[in-house]
Amino acid sequence: MSKAIIGRKAGMTQIFAENGKVIPVTVVEAGPCPVVQVKTAETDGYAALKLGFLEAKEKDLNKPELGQFKKANVKPCKYLKEVRGMEGYNVGDEVKADIFSAGERVDVAGVSKGHGFTGVIKRWNQQRLKETHGVGPVHREPGSMGSISDPSRVFKHKHLAGQYGVENVTVLNLEVVRVDLARNVILVKGAIPGPKGSIVTLRTSVKSK
């Protein structure tokens, strides 16, 4: 059975293993996530759970959004997400941080940090042009766009300057180092997508051995 929980990235730190080895970890404030809706194959065509995260004020939600929480008799939540593969939950139940345990492998999905409009060096890791006579005046430009006579156009998907970041990114097969149920915290080894305070989803790894 697959497991998943919604969390908020709090930042990175390090802990020490029993052998004295330093382990870099990302602190994730995970749950508690109330079950707002249980979808089944008979009623919706597929099985899934709709989880909520972070309490919200009623005045911040419109009537359709508020209606589903009142129907489920659950406090309004700021974020909602569907997860598949989780069974045995009913409307009103809570998914807490102890759904995972130390040593398990998870996939973490989130939105990457935005960098705005950037050039080809930062966005695509291209090299600078030569800083010699006859080159320039700009040394960070993308360089040649292609031949003049043939094909007389720029091919699609050429690496050029533009928006960098703010993309859906999933990091696979990360290890859960520690779970603190009292603080609703999960420590994940390594880095995960997004800036501090961003919303992430932890789910059972699909590629772990």
N, C-alpha and C. Protein backbone atom coordinates (compact mmCIF):
# COMPACT_ATOMS: atom_id res chain seq x y z
N MET A 1 0.84 -1.19 0.00
CA MET A 1 0.00 0.00 0.00
C MET A 1 0.87 1.24 0.00
N SER A 2 0.51 2.21 -0.83
CA SER A 2 1.24 3.47 -0.89
C SER A 2 0.80 4.37 0.25
N LYS A 3 1.72 5.22 0.71
CA LYS A 3 1.45 6.17 1.78
C LYS A 3 1.88 7.55 1.33
N ALA A 4 1.20 8.59 1.82
CA ALA A 4 1.55 9.95 1.44
C ALA A 4 1.08 10.91 2.52
N ILE A 5 1.73 12.07 2.57
CA ILE A 5 1.37 13.11 3.53
C ILE A 5 1.82 14.46 2.96
N ILE A 6 1.08 15.51 3.29
CA ILE A 6 1.43 16.86 2.85
C ILE A 6 2.23 17.53 3.96
N GLY A 7 3.23 18.31 3.57
CA GLY A 7 4.07 18.97 4.57
C GLY A 7 4.54 20.33 4.08
N ARG A 8 5.26 20.99 4.97
CA ARG A 8 5.83 22.30 4.66
C ARG A 8 7.32 22.28 4.97
N LYS A 9 8.12 22.70 4.00
CA LYS A 9 9.57 22.71 4.16
C LYS A 9 9.98 23.79 5.15
N ALA A 10 10.64 23.38 6.24
CA ALA A 10 11.06 24.33 7.27
C ALA A 10 12.50 24.79 7.09
N GLY A 11 13.31 24.01 6.37
CA GLY A 11 14.71 24.37 6.17
C GLY A 11 15.60 23.15 6.32
N MET A 12 16.91 23.39 6.28
CA MET A 12 17.88 22.30 6.37
C MET A 12 18.74 22.45 7.62
N THR A 13 19.20 21.32 8.12
CA THR A 13 20.11 21.29 9.25
C THR A 13 20.93 20.00 9.14
N GLN A 14 21.59 19.64 10.22
CA GLN A 14 22.37 18.40 10.21
C GLN A 14 22.23 17.71 11.55
N ILE A 15 22.30 16.39 11.51
CA ILE A 15 22.28 15.61 12.73
C ILE A 15 23.46 14.63 12.69
N PHE A 16 23.74 14.04 13.81
CA PHE A 16 24.86 13.13 13.91
C PHE A 16 24.35 11.71 14.14
N ALA A 17 24.90 10.78 13.37
CA ALA A 17 24.56 9.38 13.54
C ALA A 17 25.31 8.81 14.75
N GLU A 18 24.99 7.58 15.10
CA GLU A 18 25.63 6.96 16.26
C GLU A 18 27.13 6.79 16.07
N ASN A 19 27.56 6.63 14.81
CA ASN A 19 28.99 6.47 14.54
C ASN A 19 29.71 7.80 14.40
N GLY A 20 28.99 8.92 14.65
CA GLY A 20 29.59 10.24 14.57
C GLY A 20 29.54 10.87 13.20
N LYS A 21 28.96 10.19 12.22
CA LYS A 21 28.88 10.72 10.87
C LYS A 21 27.83 11.81 10.79
N VAL A 22 28.14 12.91 10.08
CA VAL A 22 27.21 14.02 9.92
C VAL A 22 26.24 13.70 8.77
N ILE A 23 24.95 13.88 9.03
CA ILE A 23 23.93 13.61 8.02
C ILE A 23 23.18 14.92 7.74
N PRO A 24 23.25 15.44 6.51
CA PRO A 24 22.46 16.63 6.17
C PRO A 24 21.00 16.24 5.98
N VAL A 25 20.09 16.97 6.62
CA VAL A 25 18.67 16.63 6.56
C VAL A 25 17.84 17.87 6.28
N THR A 26 16.68 17.65 5.67
CA THR A 26 15.68 18.69 5.48
C THR A 26 14.55 18.45 6.47
N VAL A 27 14.18 19.50 7.19
CA VAL A 27 13.10 19.41 8.18
C VAL A 27 11.78 19.71 7.48
N VAL A 28 10.84 18.77 7.58
CA VAL A 28 9.53 18.91 6.95
C VAL A 28 8.46 18.86 8.04
N GLU A 29 7.68 19.93 8.13
CA GLU A 29 6.53 19.94 9.04
C GLU A 29 5.40 19.18 8.35
N ALA A 30 5.20 17.91 8.74
CA ALA A 30 4.30 17.02 8.03
C ALA A 30 3.02 16.80 8.82
N GLY A 31 1.89 17.23 8.25
CA GLY A 31 0.60 17.00 8.87
C GLY A 31 0.39 17.81 10.13
N PRO A 32 -0.64 17.45 10.90
CA PRO A 32 -1.63 16.43 10.58
C PRO A 32 -2.54 16.83 9.42
N CYS A 33 -2.89 15.84 8.60
CA CYS A 33 -3.69 16.08 7.40
C CYS A 33 -5.04 15.37 7.55
N PRO A 34 -6.13 16.11 7.74
CA PRO A 34 -7.44 15.47 7.83
C PRO A 34 -7.91 14.95 6.47
N VAL A 35 -8.65 13.85 6.50
CA VAL A 35 -9.23 13.28 5.29
C VAL A 35 -10.54 14.01 5.01
N VAL A 36 -10.57 14.76 3.92
CA VAL A 36 -11.74 15.56 3.58
C VAL A 36 -12.73 14.77 2.72
N GLN A 37 -12.21 13.87 1.89
CA GLN A 37 -13.08 13.10 1.01
C GLN A 37 -12.43 11.77 0.69
N VAL A 38 -13.24 10.73 0.59
CA VAL A 38 -12.78 9.40 0.18
C VAL A 38 -13.43 9.09 -1.15
N LYS A 39 -12.62 9.00 -2.20
CA LYS A 39 -13.14 8.68 -3.53
C LYS A 39 -13.00 7.18 -3.78
N THR A 40 -14.01 6.60 -4.41
CA THR A 40 -14.02 5.17 -4.71
C THR A 40 -14.25 4.96 -6.19
N ALA A 41 -13.91 3.75 -6.64
CA ALA A 41 -14.08 3.42 -8.06
C ALA A 41 -15.55 3.41 -8.44
N GLU A 42 -16.45 3.08 -7.50
CA GLU A 42 -17.87 3.02 -7.82
C GLU A 42 -18.46 4.40 -8.02
N THR A 43 -18.05 5.37 -7.22
CA THR A 43 -18.65 6.70 -7.29
C THR A 43 -17.88 7.68 -8.16
N ASP A 44 -16.55 7.56 -8.19
CA ASP A 44 -15.72 8.54 -8.89
C ASP A 44 -14.89 7.96 -10.03
N GLY A 45 -14.90 6.64 -10.17
CA GLY A 45 -14.12 6.02 -11.24
C GLY A 45 -12.71 5.65 -10.85
N TYR A 46 -12.27 6.09 -9.69
CA TYR A 46 -10.94 5.74 -9.19
C TYR A 46 -10.93 5.93 -7.68
N ALA A 47 -9.97 5.31 -7.03
CA ALA A 47 -9.87 5.38 -5.59
C ALA A 47 -8.79 6.38 -5.18
N ALA A 48 -9.13 7.27 -4.27
CA ALA A 48 -8.18 8.27 -3.81
C ALA A 48 -8.67 8.90 -2.52
N LEU A 49 -7.76 9.56 -1.83
CA LEU A 49 -8.08 10.33 -0.64
C LEU A 49 -7.78 11.80 -0.91
N LYS A 50 -8.65 12.67 -0.44
CA LYS A 50 -8.39 14.10 -0.51
C LYS A 50 -7.98 14.56 0.88
N LEU A 51 -6.71 14.99 0.98
CA LEU A 51 -6.15 15.40 2.25
C LEU A 51 -6.06 16.92 2.33
N GLY A 52 -6.24 17.44 3.52
CA GLY A 52 -6.08 18.86 3.77
C GLY A 52 -4.84 19.12 4.60
N PHE A 53 -4.39 20.38 4.58
CA PHE A 53 -3.19 20.75 5.35
C PHE A 53 -3.25 22.23 5.71
N LEU A 54 -2.92 22.54 6.92
CA LEU A 54 -2.89 23.89 7.49
C LEU A 54 -4.30 24.50 7.57
N GLU A 55 -4.73 24.77 8.78
CA GLU A 55 -6.05 25.33 8.99
C GLU A 55 -6.15 26.73 8.37
N ALA A 56 -7.34 27.02 7.84
CA ALA A 56 -7.60 28.31 7.21
C ALA A 56 -8.84 28.93 7.84
N LYS A 57 -8.97 30.25 7.69
CA LYS A 57 -10.15 30.94 8.18
C LYS A 57 -11.28 30.82 7.16
N GLU A 58 -12.50 30.74 7.67
CA GLU A 58 -13.64 30.58 6.77
C GLU A 58 -13.78 31.75 5.82
N LYS A 59 -13.41 32.96 6.27
CA LYS A 59 -13.56 34.14 5.42
C LYS A 59 -12.59 34.12 4.24
N ASP A 60 -11.58 33.27 4.29
CA ASP A 60 -10.60 33.20 3.20
C ASP A 60 -11.01 32.20 2.12
N LEU A 61 -12.14 31.50 2.31
CA LEU A 61 -12.58 30.50 1.35
C LEU A 61 -13.92 30.92 0.76
N ASN A 62 -14.15 30.53 -0.49
CA ASN A 62 -15.45 30.80 -1.11
C ASN A 62 -16.43 29.69 -0.75
N LYS A 63 -17.68 29.83 -1.18
CA LYS A 63 -18.72 28.89 -0.76
C LYS A 63 -18.47 27.46 -1.25
N PRO A 64 -18.08 27.24 -2.51
CA PRO A 64 -17.81 25.87 -2.94
C PRO A 64 -16.66 25.22 -2.14
N GLU A 65 -15.62 26.00 -1.86
CA GLU A 65 -14.50 25.44 -1.10
C GLU A 65 -14.93 25.14 0.33
N LEU A 66 -15.71 26.04 0.92
CA LEU A 66 -16.14 25.85 2.30
C LEU A 66 -17.15 24.72 2.43
N GLY A 67 -17.93 24.49 1.37
CA GLY A 67 -18.97 23.47 1.43
C GLY A 67 -18.43 22.07 1.63
N GLN A 68 -17.31 21.75 0.98
CA GLN A 68 -16.78 20.39 1.11
C GLN A 68 -16.26 20.12 2.52
N PHE A 69 -15.77 21.15 3.18
CA PHE A 69 -15.31 20.96 4.56
C PHE A 69 -16.49 20.79 5.52
N LYS A 70 -17.57 21.56 5.29
CA LYS A 70 -18.75 21.42 6.14
C LYS A 70 -19.41 20.07 5.93
N LYS A 71 -19.40 19.57 4.69
CA LYS A 71 -19.97 18.26 4.41
C LYS A 71 -19.20 17.16 5.12
N ALA A 72 -17.88 17.32 5.19
CA ALA A 72 -17.04 16.33 5.85
C ALA A 72 -16.93 16.57 7.35
N ASN A 73 -17.49 17.70 7.83
CA ASN A 73 -17.38 18.08 9.24
C ASN A 73 -15.92 18.18 9.66
N VAL A 74 -15.13 18.84 8.81
CA VAL A 74 -13.69 19.02 9.03
C VAL A 74 -13.40 20.52 9.02
N LYS A 75 -12.48 20.96 9.85
CA LYS A 75 -12.09 22.37 9.86
C LYS A 75 -11.51 22.76 8.50
N PRO A 76 -11.80 23.97 8.03
CA PRO A 76 -11.28 24.40 6.72
C PRO A 76 -9.75 24.34 6.66
N CYS A 77 -9.23 23.96 5.50
CA CYS A 77 -7.79 23.84 5.30
C CYS A 77 -7.35 24.74 4.15
N LYS A 78 -6.13 25.17 4.24
CA LYS A 78 -5.58 26.07 3.22
C LYS A 78 -5.20 25.32 1.96
N TYR A 79 -4.74 24.08 2.11
CA TYR A 79 -4.27 23.30 0.95
C TYR A 79 -5.02 21.97 0.90
N LEU A 80 -5.29 21.52 -0.32
CA LEU A 80 -5.93 20.24 -0.57
C LEU A 80 -5.13 19.49 -1.63
N LYS A 81 -5.05 18.18 -1.45
CA LYS A 81 -4.33 17.37 -2.44
C LYS A 81 -4.89 15.96 -2.43
N GLU A 82 -5.02 15.40 -3.64
CA GLU A 82 -5.46 14.01 -3.77
C GLU A 82 -4.26 13.08 -3.79
N VAL A 83 -4.38 11.96 -3.10
CA VAL A 83 -3.34 10.93 -3.11
C VAL A 83 -4.01 9.59 -3.37
N ARG A 84 -3.36 8.76 -4.15
CA ARG A 84 -3.91 7.46 -4.49
C ARG A 84 -3.13 6.35 -3.79
N GLY A 85 -3.77 5.20 -3.67
CA GLY A 85 -3.11 4.04 -3.11
C GLY A 85 -3.22 3.90 -1.60
N MET A 86 -3.88 4.84 -0.93
CA MET A 86 -4.05 4.77 0.52
C MET A 86 -5.42 4.20 0.84
N GLU A 87 -5.45 3.17 1.68
CA GLU A 87 -6.70 2.49 2.01
C GLU A 87 -6.88 2.46 3.53
N GLY A 88 -8.11 2.21 3.93
CA GLY A 88 -8.40 2.06 5.34
C GLY A 88 -8.68 3.35 6.08
N TYR A 89 -8.90 4.45 5.36
CA TYR A 89 -9.18 5.73 6.00
C TYR A 89 -10.62 6.14 5.73
N ASN A 90 -11.20 6.85 6.69
CA ASN A 90 -12.54 7.38 6.55
C ASN A 90 -12.50 8.90 6.64
N VAL A 91 -13.58 9.54 6.21
CA VAL A 91 -13.67 10.99 6.29
C VAL A 91 -13.56 11.43 7.75
N GLY A 92 -12.69 12.39 8.00
CA GLY A 92 -12.48 12.87 9.36
C GLY A 92 -11.25 12.32 10.03
N ASP A 93 -10.71 11.21 9.50
CA ASP A 93 -9.47 10.67 10.05
C ASP A 93 -8.31 11.61 9.77
N GLU A 94 -7.24 11.47 10.54
CA GLU A 94 -6.06 12.31 10.36
C GLU A 94 -4.86 11.46 9.98
N VAL A 95 -4.12 11.94 9.00
CA VAL A 95 -2.84 11.33 8.61
C VAL A 95 -1.74 12.12 9.29
N LYS A 96 -0.97 11.47 10.14
CA LYS A 96 0.05 12.15 10.93
C LYS A 96 1.45 11.74 10.48
N ALA A 97 2.44 12.38 11.07
CA ALA A 97 3.83 12.17 10.65
C ALA A 97 4.28 10.73 10.87
N ASP A 98 3.67 10.03 11.83
CA ASP A 98 4.11 8.66 12.10
C ASP A 98 3.66 7.67 11.04
N ILE A 99 3.03 8.16 9.95
CA ILE A 99 2.71 7.26 8.85
C ILE A 99 3.99 6.73 8.22
N PHE A 100 5.08 7.50 8.34
CA PHE A 100 6.40 7.03 7.91
C PHE A 100 7.26 6.77 9.13
N SER A 101 8.27 5.95 8.95
CA SER A 101 9.19 5.63 10.04
C SER A 101 10.62 5.75 9.53
N ALA A 102 11.56 5.84 10.45
CA ALA A 102 12.97 5.99 10.09
C ALA A 102 13.44 4.80 9.26
N GLY A 103 14.18 5.09 8.20
CA GLY A 103 14.69 4.04 7.33
C GLY A 103 13.87 3.84 6.07
N GLU A 104 12.64 4.36 6.03
CA GLU A 104 11.82 4.21 4.83
C GLU A 104 12.32 5.14 3.72
N ARG A 105 11.97 4.79 2.49
CA ARG A 105 12.33 5.59 1.32
C ARG A 105 11.10 6.32 0.81
N VAL A 106 11.28 7.61 0.49
CA VAL A 106 10.15 8.42 0.05
C VAL A 106 10.55 9.21 -1.19
N ASP A 107 9.53 9.61 -1.97
CA ASP A 107 9.68 10.57 -3.06
C ASP A 107 9.07 11.89 -2.59
N VAL A 108 9.79 12.98 -2.79
CA VAL A 108 9.33 14.29 -2.33
C VAL A 108 9.06 15.16 -3.55
N ALA A 109 7.83 15.66 -3.66
CA ALA A 109 7.43 16.50 -4.79
C ALA A 109 7.12 17.90 -4.29
N GLY A 110 7.55 18.90 -5.07
CA GLY A 110 7.29 20.29 -4.72
C GLY A 110 7.56 21.19 -5.91
N VAL A 111 7.44 22.48 -5.69
CA VAL A 111 7.70 23.48 -6.73
C VAL A 111 9.06 24.10 -6.47
N SER A 112 9.93 24.05 -7.47
CA SER A 112 11.31 24.51 -7.31
C SER A 112 11.37 26.01 -7.07
N LYS A 113 12.47 26.45 -6.51
CA LYS A 113 12.67 27.86 -6.19
C LYS A 113 12.75 28.68 -7.48
N GLY A 114 12.09 29.83 -7.50
CA GLY A 114 12.08 30.68 -8.68
C GLY A 114 13.29 31.60 -8.73
N HIS A 115 13.86 31.79 -9.91
CA HIS A 115 15.02 32.66 -10.11
C HIS A 115 14.71 33.83 -11.03
N GLY A 116 13.45 33.93 -11.48
CA GLY A 116 13.10 35.03 -12.37
C GLY A 116 13.64 34.83 -13.78
N PHE A 117 13.78 35.94 -14.52
CA PHE A 117 14.31 35.89 -15.89
C PHE A 117 15.83 35.85 -15.82
N THR A 118 16.44 34.78 -16.28
CA THR A 118 17.88 34.60 -16.17
C THR A 118 18.49 34.33 -17.55
N GLY A 119 19.80 34.53 -17.63
CA GLY A 119 20.53 34.30 -18.87
C GLY A 119 20.88 32.84 -19.06
N VAL A 120 21.55 32.57 -20.18
CA VAL A 120 21.83 31.18 -20.54
C VAL A 120 22.90 30.56 -19.63
N ILE A 121 23.75 31.36 -19.03
CA ILE A 121 24.80 30.80 -18.19
C ILE A 121 24.21 30.24 -16.91
N LYS A 122 23.32 31.00 -16.26
CA LYS A 122 22.70 30.52 -15.03
C LYS A 122 21.61 29.49 -15.31
N ARG A 123 20.87 29.68 -16.40
CA ARG A 123 19.74 28.80 -16.67
C ARG A 123 20.16 27.46 -17.26
N TRP A 124 21.14 27.47 -18.17
CA TRP A 124 21.53 26.26 -18.88
C TRP A 124 22.98 25.86 -18.66
N ASN A 125 23.69 26.59 -17.78
CA ASN A 125 25.07 26.25 -17.46
C ASN A 125 25.99 26.34 -18.68
N GLN A 126 25.74 27.31 -19.56
CA GLN A 126 26.61 27.49 -20.72
C GLN A 126 27.88 28.25 -20.32
N GLN A 127 28.86 28.21 -21.20
CA GLN A 127 30.13 28.88 -20.93
C GLN A 127 30.09 30.33 -21.42
N ARG A 128 30.98 31.14 -20.87
CA ARG A 128 31.13 32.51 -21.34
C ARG A 128 31.84 32.51 -22.70
N LEU A 129 31.62 33.59 -23.47
CA LEU A 129 32.39 33.77 -24.69
C LEU A 129 33.81 34.21 -24.34
N LYS A 130 34.71 34.10 -25.29
CA LYS A 130 36.10 34.50 -25.04
C LYS A 130 36.18 36.00 -24.77
N GLU A 131 36.95 36.36 -23.80
CA GLU A 131 37.10 37.78 -23.45
C GLU A 131 38.37 38.33 -24.10
N THR A 132 38.45 38.22 -25.42
CA THR A 132 39.60 38.70 -26.18
C THR A 132 39.15 39.78 -27.14
N HIS A 133 40.09 40.37 -27.87
CA HIS A 133 39.76 41.40 -28.85
C HIS A 133 38.91 40.81 -29.97
N GLY A 134 37.91 41.55 -30.36
CA GLY A 134 37.02 41.10 -31.43
C GLY A 134 35.82 40.33 -30.93
N VAL A 135 35.77 40.06 -29.62
CA VAL A 135 34.62 39.34 -29.04
C VAL A 135 33.90 40.29 -28.10
N GLY A 136 32.61 40.30 -28.19
CA GLY A 136 31.84 41.18 -27.30
C GLY A 136 31.03 42.18 -28.11
N PRO A 137 30.53 43.25 -27.50
CA PRO A 137 30.84 43.71 -26.14
C PRO A 137 30.21 42.89 -25.02
N VAL A 138 29.31 41.95 -25.35
CA VAL A 138 28.69 41.13 -24.32
C VAL A 138 29.34 39.75 -24.34
N HIS A 139 29.74 39.25 -23.17
CA HIS A 139 30.42 37.96 -23.09
C HIS A 139 29.54 36.88 -22.47
N ARG A 140 28.31 37.25 -22.09
CA ARG A 140 27.41 36.26 -21.49
C ARG A 140 26.21 35.97 -22.40
N GLU A 141 26.32 36.34 -23.68
CA GLU A 141 25.20 36.11 -24.60
C GLU A 141 25.21 34.66 -25.07
N PRO A 142 24.11 34.19 -25.65
CA PRO A 142 24.01 32.77 -26.01
C PRO A 142 24.89 32.35 -27.17
N GLY A 143 25.39 33.28 -27.97
CA GLY A 143 26.24 32.89 -29.09
C GLY A 143 25.46 32.73 -30.37
N SER A 144 25.96 31.90 -31.28
CA SER A 144 25.36 31.75 -32.61
C SER A 144 23.97 31.14 -32.52
N MET A 145 23.05 31.65 -33.36
CA MET A 145 21.69 31.12 -33.42
C MET A 145 21.55 30.04 -34.49
N GLY A 146 22.57 29.85 -35.35
CA GLY A 146 22.49 28.87 -36.42
C GLY A 146 22.94 29.47 -37.73
N SER A 147 22.89 28.68 -38.79
CA SER A 147 23.33 29.13 -40.11
C SER A 147 22.38 30.16 -40.69
N ILE A 148 22.92 31.01 -41.59
CA ILE A 148 22.11 32.07 -42.20
C ILE A 148 21.28 31.51 -43.35
N SER A 149 21.91 30.77 -44.25
CA SER A 149 21.22 30.33 -45.46
C SER A 149 20.35 29.10 -45.21
N ASP A 150 20.84 28.19 -44.43
CA ASP A 150 20.09 26.96 -44.18
C ASP A 150 20.28 26.56 -42.72
N PRO A 151 19.25 26.49 -41.91
CA PRO A 151 17.82 26.49 -42.25
C PRO A 151 17.17 27.86 -42.23
N SER A 152 17.94 28.93 -42.04
CA SER A 152 17.40 30.29 -42.02
C SER A 152 16.36 30.51 -40.93
N ARG A 153 16.50 29.81 -39.85
CA ARG A 153 15.60 29.98 -38.72
C ARG A 153 16.27 29.39 -37.48
N VAL A 154 15.69 29.68 -36.34
CA VAL A 154 16.19 29.13 -35.07
C VAL A 154 15.36 27.91 -34.71
N PHE A 155 16.02 26.80 -34.45
CA PHE A 155 15.30 25.58 -34.10
C PHE A 155 14.55 25.75 -32.79
N LYS A 156 13.44 25.05 -32.68
CA LYS A 156 12.69 25.06 -31.44
C LYS A 156 13.50 24.41 -30.31
N HIS A 157 13.21 24.84 -29.09
CA HIS A 157 13.83 24.29 -27.88
C HIS A 157 15.31 24.63 -27.75
N LYS A 158 15.77 25.62 -28.49
CA LYS A 158 17.15 26.05 -28.31
C LYS A 158 17.28 26.70 -26.94
N HIS A 159 18.39 26.43 -26.28
CA HIS A 159 18.62 26.96 -24.94
C HIS A 159 18.88 28.47 -25.00
N LEU A 160 17.91 29.24 -24.53
CA LEU A 160 18.03 30.69 -24.53
C LEU A 160 17.66 31.21 -23.15
N ALA A 161 17.80 32.52 -22.98
CA ALA A 161 17.43 33.14 -21.71
C ALA A 161 15.93 33.08 -21.50
N GLY A 162 15.49 33.10 -20.26
CA GLY A 162 14.06 33.07 -19.98
C GLY A 162 13.79 32.76 -18.52
N GLN A 163 12.53 32.42 -18.24
CA GLN A 163 12.11 32.12 -16.87
C GLN A 163 12.80 30.86 -16.37
N TYR A 164 13.35 30.94 -15.18
CA TYR A 164 14.10 29.81 -14.61
C TYR A 164 13.52 29.49 -13.24
N GLY A 165 13.12 28.25 -13.03
CA GLY A 165 12.56 27.81 -11.76
C GLY A 165 11.05 27.78 -11.79
N VAL A 166 10.43 27.62 -10.60
CA VAL A 166 8.98 27.52 -10.43
C VAL A 166 8.44 26.39 -11.31
N GLU A 167 9.01 25.21 -11.16
CA GLU A 167 8.57 24.03 -11.91
C GLU A 167 8.30 22.90 -10.92
N ASN A 168 7.38 22.02 -11.31
CA ASN A 168 7.10 20.85 -10.48
C ASN A 168 8.28 19.89 -10.55
N VAL A 169 8.87 19.62 -9.40
CA VAL A 169 10.05 18.77 -9.33
C VAL A 169 9.81 17.66 -8.30
N THR A 170 10.21 16.46 -8.64
CA THR A 170 10.13 15.33 -7.70
C THR A 170 11.51 14.72 -7.53
N VAL A 171 11.97 14.65 -6.28
CA VAL A 171 13.24 14.00 -5.97
C VAL A 171 12.93 12.60 -5.47
N LEU A 172 13.52 11.60 -6.11
CA LEU A 172 13.17 10.21 -5.85
C LEU A 172 14.09 9.57 -4.81
N ASN A 173 13.51 8.63 -4.09
CA ASN A 173 14.26 7.67 -3.28
C ASN A 173 15.12 8.34 -2.20
N LEU A 174 14.52 9.21 -1.41
CA LEU A 174 15.21 9.82 -0.28
C LEU A 174 14.90 9.03 0.99
N GLU A 175 15.82 9.07 1.93
CA GLU A 175 15.68 8.28 3.15
C GLU A 175 15.10 9.12 4.29
N VAL A 176 14.14 8.55 5.00
CA VAL A 176 13.61 9.18 6.21
C VAL A 176 14.56 8.86 7.36
N VAL A 177 15.16 9.89 7.93
CA VAL A 177 16.16 9.69 8.99
C VAL A 177 15.52 9.63 10.37
N ARG A 178 14.52 10.50 10.60
CA ARG A 178 13.92 10.55 11.92
C ARG A 178 12.50 11.10 11.81
N VAL A 179 11.62 10.63 12.70
CA VAL A 179 10.23 11.10 12.76
C VAL A 179 9.94 11.54 14.18
N ASP A 180 9.45 12.77 14.33
CA ASP A 180 9.10 13.33 15.64
C ASP A 180 7.60 13.63 15.63
N LEU A 181 6.81 12.70 16.19
CA LEU A 181 5.35 12.86 16.16
C LEU A 181 4.90 14.00 17.05
N ALA A 182 5.61 14.24 18.15
CA ALA A 182 5.21 15.30 19.07
C ALA A 182 5.27 16.67 18.40
N ARG A 183 6.21 16.85 17.48
CA ARG A 183 6.36 18.13 16.78
C ARG A 183 5.83 18.07 15.35
N ASN A 184 5.29 16.92 14.94
CA ASN A 184 4.81 16.73 13.56
C ASN A 184 5.92 17.03 12.56
N VAL A 185 7.08 16.43 12.78
CA VAL A 185 8.26 16.72 11.96
C VAL A 185 8.82 15.42 11.40
N ILE A 186 9.21 15.48 10.13
CA ILE A 186 9.92 14.37 9.48
C ILE A 186 11.25 14.91 8.97
N LEU A 187 12.34 14.23 9.29
CA LEU A 187 13.66 14.61 8.80
C LEU A 187 14.02 13.71 7.63
N VAL A 188 14.25 14.34 6.47
CA VAL A 188 14.56 13.62 5.24
C VAL A 188 16.01 13.88 4.88
N LYS A 189 16.75 12.84 4.57
CA LYS A 189 18.16 12.99 4.23
C LYS A 189 18.31 13.68 2.88
N GLY A 190 19.15 14.74 2.82
CA GLY A 190 19.41 15.44 1.58
C GLY A 190 18.48 16.62 1.38
N ALA A 191 18.51 17.16 0.17
CA ALA A 191 17.75 18.36 -0.18
C ALA A 191 16.46 17.97 -0.91
N ILE A 192 15.45 18.83 -0.76
CA ILE A 192 14.17 18.63 -1.44
C ILE A 192 13.82 19.91 -2.18
N PRO A 193 12.89 19.85 -3.14
CA PRO A 193 12.60 21.04 -3.95
C PRO A 193 11.94 22.15 -3.14
N GLY A 194 12.12 23.38 -3.62
CA GLY A 194 11.38 24.52 -3.11
C GLY A 194 12.12 25.34 -2.08
N PRO A 195 11.69 26.59 -1.88
CA PRO A 195 12.27 27.44 -0.84
C PRO A 195 11.69 27.09 0.52
N LYS A 196 12.19 27.76 1.55
CA LYS A 196 11.65 27.55 2.90
C LYS A 196 10.19 28.01 2.94
N GLY A 197 9.38 27.21 3.59
CA GLY A 197 7.97 27.54 3.71
C GLY A 197 7.11 27.02 2.58
N SER A 198 7.70 26.38 1.59
CA SER A 198 6.92 25.87 0.46
C SER A 198 6.25 24.54 0.83
N ILE A 199 5.18 24.22 0.11
CA ILE A 199 4.41 23.01 0.37
C ILE A 199 4.98 21.86 -0.46
N VAL A 200 5.18 20.72 0.20
CA VAL A 200 5.72 19.53 -0.47
C VAL A 200 4.84 18.33 -0.13
N THR A 201 5.00 17.30 -0.92
CA THR A 201 4.26 16.05 -0.69
C THR A 201 5.24 14.90 -0.58
N LEU A 202 5.14 14.15 0.50
CA LEU A 202 5.97 12.97 0.70
C LEU A 202 5.12 11.73 0.41
N ARG A 203 5.63 10.85 -0.42
CA ARG A 203 4.92 9.62 -0.73
C ARG A 203 5.89 8.46 -0.75
N THR A 204 5.36 7.26 -0.65
CA THR A 204 6.20 6.07 -0.70
C THR A 204 6.95 6.02 -2.02
N SER A 205 8.25 5.74 -1.95
CA SER A 205 9.07 5.74 -3.15
C SER A 205 8.62 4.67 -4.12
N VAL A 206 8.60 5.00 -5.39
CA VAL A 206 8.16 4.06 -6.42
C VAL A 206 9.32 3.25 -7.01
N LYS A 207 10.55 3.65 -6.71
CA LYS A 207 11.70 2.99 -7.31
C LYS A 207 12.66 2.39 -6.27
N SER A 208 12.30 2.44 -5.00
CA SER A 208 13.21 1.90 -3.98
C SER A 208 13.23 0.38 -4.06
N LYS A 209 14.38 -0.19 -3.75
CA LYS A 209 14.52 -1.64 -3.79
C LYS A 209 13.97 -2.24 -2.51
